[in-house]
Amino acid sequence: MRLSSTPAVAASSEVAGADGVRRPGGEVHAWLPGQNQTVCGLPLSRTRLRRFPHVPFDYSATDQLTEADPEGYVCPRCLAATQGRRQGEKSWVRTNPRP
């Protein structure tokens, strides 16, 4: 399997969706397909996380999870690692270098 730069989902449990396709449930982490650990560093085999390569990790820090959602917890470390820069934040640039 190739390494991918688009994170997918690794979760602690799975539920069947309305169309019969398995969906993540429980504790949700970001996972790069081709690696054996989550983005936050948890090993998939030791933590018994299931891989969902067909589900993209498209959660944001402002998402509100309710009891109707099968996902009970989204890892905040994975959220921080996948979101990168904040909205409107520019990269650091030196405007007046020292002589």
C-alpha atoms as a PDB file:
ATOM      1  CA  MET A   1       0.000   0.000   0.000  1.00  0.00           C
ATOM      2  CA  ARG A   2       1.284   3.463  -0.855  1.00  0.00           C
ATOM      3  CA  LEU A   3       1.816   6.202   1.673  1.00  0.00           C
ATOM      4  CA  SER A   4      -0.889   8.804   1.426  1.00  0.00           C
ATOM      5  CA  SER A   5      -0.832  12.417   2.569  1.00  0.00           C
ATOM      6  CA  THR A   6      -4.620  12.495   3.037  1.00  0.00           C
ATOM      7  CA  PRO A   7      -5.517  11.282   6.521  1.00  0.00           C
ATOM      8  CA  ALA A   8      -8.146   8.591   6.902  1.00  0.00           C
ATOM      9  CA  VAL A   9      -9.932   7.418  10.045  1.00  0.00           C
ATOM     10  CA  ALA A  10      -8.917   4.800  12.596  1.00  0.00           C
ATOM     11  CA  ALA A  11     -11.548   4.116  15.257  1.00  0.00           C
ATOM     12  CA  SER A  12     -12.106   1.910  18.283  1.00  0.00           C
ATOM     13  CA  SER A  13     -15.352   0.408  16.954  1.00  0.00           C
ATOM     14  CA  GLU A  14     -17.470   0.262  13.836  1.00  0.00           C
ATOM     15  CA  VAL A  15     -21.151   0.677  13.050  1.00  0.00           C
ATOM     16  CA  ALA A  16     -23.119  -0.146   9.933  1.00  0.00           C
ATOM     17  CA  GLY A  17     -24.332   2.902   8.043  1.00  0.00           C
ATOM     18  CA  ALA A  18     -27.769   3.288   6.477  1.00  0.00           C
ATOM     19  CA  ASP A  19     -26.380   1.950   3.164  1.00  0.00           C
ATOM     20  CA  GLY A  20     -24.682  -1.028   4.837  1.00  0.00           C
ATOM     21  CA  VAL A  21     -21.142   0.360   4.576  1.00  0.00           C
ATOM     22  CA  ARG A  22     -19.137   0.195   7.793  1.00  0.00           C
ATOM     23  CA  ARG A  23     -18.519   3.536   9.508  1.00  0.00           C
ATOM     24  CA  PRO A  24     -16.247   4.507  12.404  1.00  0.00           C
ATOM     25  CA  GLY A  25     -17.588   4.679  15.917  1.00  0.00           C
ATOM     26  CA  GLY A  26     -16.303   5.255  19.412  1.00  0.00           C
ATOM     27  CA  GLU A  27     -12.903   6.926  19.697  1.00  0.00           C
ATOM     28  CA  VAL A  28     -11.763   8.423  16.358  1.00  0.00           C
ATOM     29  CA  HIS A  29      -8.156   9.159  15.328  1.00  0.00           C
ATOM     30  CA  ALA A  30      -6.460  10.372  12.131  1.00  0.00           C
ATOM     31  CA  TRP A  31      -4.383   7.747  10.318  1.00  0.00           C
ATOM     32  CA  LEU A  32      -2.227   7.982   7.201  1.00  0.00           C
ATOM     33  CA  PRO A  33      -2.801   4.864   5.044  1.00  0.00           C
ATOM     34  CA  GLY A  34       0.405   2.896   4.709  1.00  0.00           C
ATOM     35  CA  GLN A  35       1.520   3.541   8.270  1.00  0.00           C
ATOM     36  CA  ASN A  36       1.016   1.403  11.346  1.00  0.00           C
ATOM     37  CA  GLN A  37       0.263   4.268  13.727  1.00  0.00           C
ATOM     38  CA  THR A  38      -2.102   7.184  14.069  1.00  0.00           C
ATOM     39  CA  VAL A  39      -1.039  10.772  13.470  1.00  0.00           C
ATOM     40  CA  CYS A  40      -0.821  11.308  17.249  1.00  0.00           C
ATOM     41  CA  GLY A  41       1.504   8.289  17.580  1.00  0.00           C
ATOM     42  CA  LEU A  42      -0.729   5.453  18.823  1.00  0.00           C
ATOM     43  CA  PRO A  43       0.173   2.045  17.358  1.00  0.00           C
ATOM     44  CA  LEU A  44      -2.871   0.590  15.595  1.00  0.00           C
ATOM     45  CA  SER A  45      -2.262  -3.024  16.572  1.00  0.00           C
ATOM     46  CA  ARG A  46      -1.652  -2.472  20.286  1.00  0.00           C
ATOM     47  CA  THR A  47      -4.601  -0.131  20.763  1.00  0.00           C
ATOM     48  CA  ARG A  48      -6.840  -2.358  18.586  1.00  0.00           C
ATOM     49  CA  LEU A  49      -7.969   0.510  16.386  1.00  0.00           C
ATOM     50  CA  ARG A  50      -9.799  -0.454  13.200  1.00  0.00           C
ATOM     51  CA  ARG A  51      -8.765   1.153   9.932  1.00  0.00           C
ATOM     52  CA  PHE A  52     -11.246   2.938   7.664  1.00  0.00           C
ATOM     53  CA  PRO A  53      -9.297   3.909   4.518  1.00  0.00           C
ATOM     54  CA  HIS A  54     -12.528   4.833   2.702  1.00  0.00           C
ATOM     55  CA  VAL A  55     -13.488   7.467   5.317  1.00  0.00           C
ATOM     56  CA  PRO A  56     -11.523  10.761   5.195  1.00  0.00           C
ATOM     57  CA  PHE A  57     -10.621  12.462   8.485  1.00  0.00           C
ATOM     58  CA  ASP A  58     -12.544  15.701   7.894  1.00  0.00           C
ATOM     59  CA  TYR A  59     -13.329  16.726  11.447  1.00  0.00           C
ATOM     60  CA  SER A  60     -12.634  20.212  12.765  1.00  0.00           C
ATOM     61  CA  ALA A  61     -12.175  21.619  16.250  1.00  0.00           C
ATOM     62  CA  THR A  62     -15.539  23.380  16.039  1.00  0.00           C
ATOM     63  CA  ASP A  63     -17.545  20.205  15.377  1.00  0.00           C
ATOM     64  CA  GLN A  64     -20.156  19.377  18.012  1.00  0.00           C
ATOM     65  CA  LEU A  65     -20.713  15.663  18.653  1.00  0.00           C
ATOM     66  CA  THR A  66     -24.136  14.606  19.899  1.00  0.00           C
ATOM     67  CA  GLU A  67     -25.503  11.279  21.115  1.00  0.00           C
ATOM     68  CA  ALA A  68     -26.876  10.659  17.614  1.00  0.00           C
ATOM     69  CA  ASP A  69     -23.314  10.534  16.219  1.00  0.00           C
ATOM     70  CA  PRO A  70     -21.601   7.142  16.305  1.00  0.00           C
ATOM     71  CA  GLU A  71     -18.305   8.907  17.034  1.00  0.00           C
ATOM     72  CA  GLY A  72     -18.053   9.516  20.741  1.00  0.00           C
ATOM     73  CA  TYR A  73     -14.641  11.195  20.918  1.00  0.00           C
ATOM     74  CA  VAL A  74     -12.329  12.813  18.359  1.00  0.00           C
ATOM     75  CA  CYS A  75      -8.662  12.905  19.369  1.00  0.00           C
ATOM     76  CA  PRO A  76      -7.607  16.544  19.919  1.00  0.00           C
ATOM     77  CA  ARG A  77      -3.958  15.756  19.095  1.00  0.00           C
ATOM     78  CA  CYS A  78      -4.989  14.321  15.730  1.00  0.00           C
ATOM     79  CA  LEU A  79      -7.164  17.391  15.088  1.00  0.00           C
ATOM     80  CA  ALA A  80      -4.244  19.705  15.794  1.00  0.00           C
ATOM     81  CA  ALA A  81      -1.874  17.697  13.592  1.00  0.00           C
ATOM     82  CA  THR A  82      -4.222  17.590  10.592  1.00  0.00           C
ATOM     83  CA  GLN A  83      -5.469  21.174  10.656  1.00  0.00           C
ATOM     84  CA  GLY A  84      -2.060  22.779  10.277  1.00  0.00           C
ATOM     85  CA  ARG A  85      -2.179  26.548  10.426  1.00  0.00           C
ATOM     86  CA  ARG A  86      -5.062  28.484  11.835  1.00  0.00           C
ATOM     87  CA  GLN A  87      -7.358  30.413   9.540  1.00  0.00           C
ATOM     88  CA  GLY A  88      -5.802  33.758   8.620  1.00  0.00           C
ATOM     89  CA  GLU A  89      -2.480  33.043  10.326  1.00  0.00           C
ATOM     90  CA  LYS A  90       0.481  33.918   8.153  1.00  0.00           C
ATOM     91  CA  SER A  91       3.871  32.297   8.273  1.00  0.00           C
ATOM     92  CA  TRP A  92       6.640  34.113  10.106  1.00  0.00           C
ATOM     93  CA  VAL A  93       8.651  36.560   7.978  1.00  0.00           C
ATOM     94  CA  ARG A  94      11.554  38.733   9.082  1.00  0.00           C
ATOM     95  CA  THR A  95      10.910  42.275   7.912  1.00  0.00           C
ATOM     96  CA  ASN A  96      14.014  44.052   9.214  1.00  0.00           C
ATOM     97  CA  PRO A  97      16.999  41.689   9.461  1.00  0.00           C
ATOM     98  CA  ARG A  98      19.766  42.514  11.848  1.00  0.00           C
ATOM     99  CA  PRO A  99      23.094  43.627  10.290  1.00  0.00           C
END
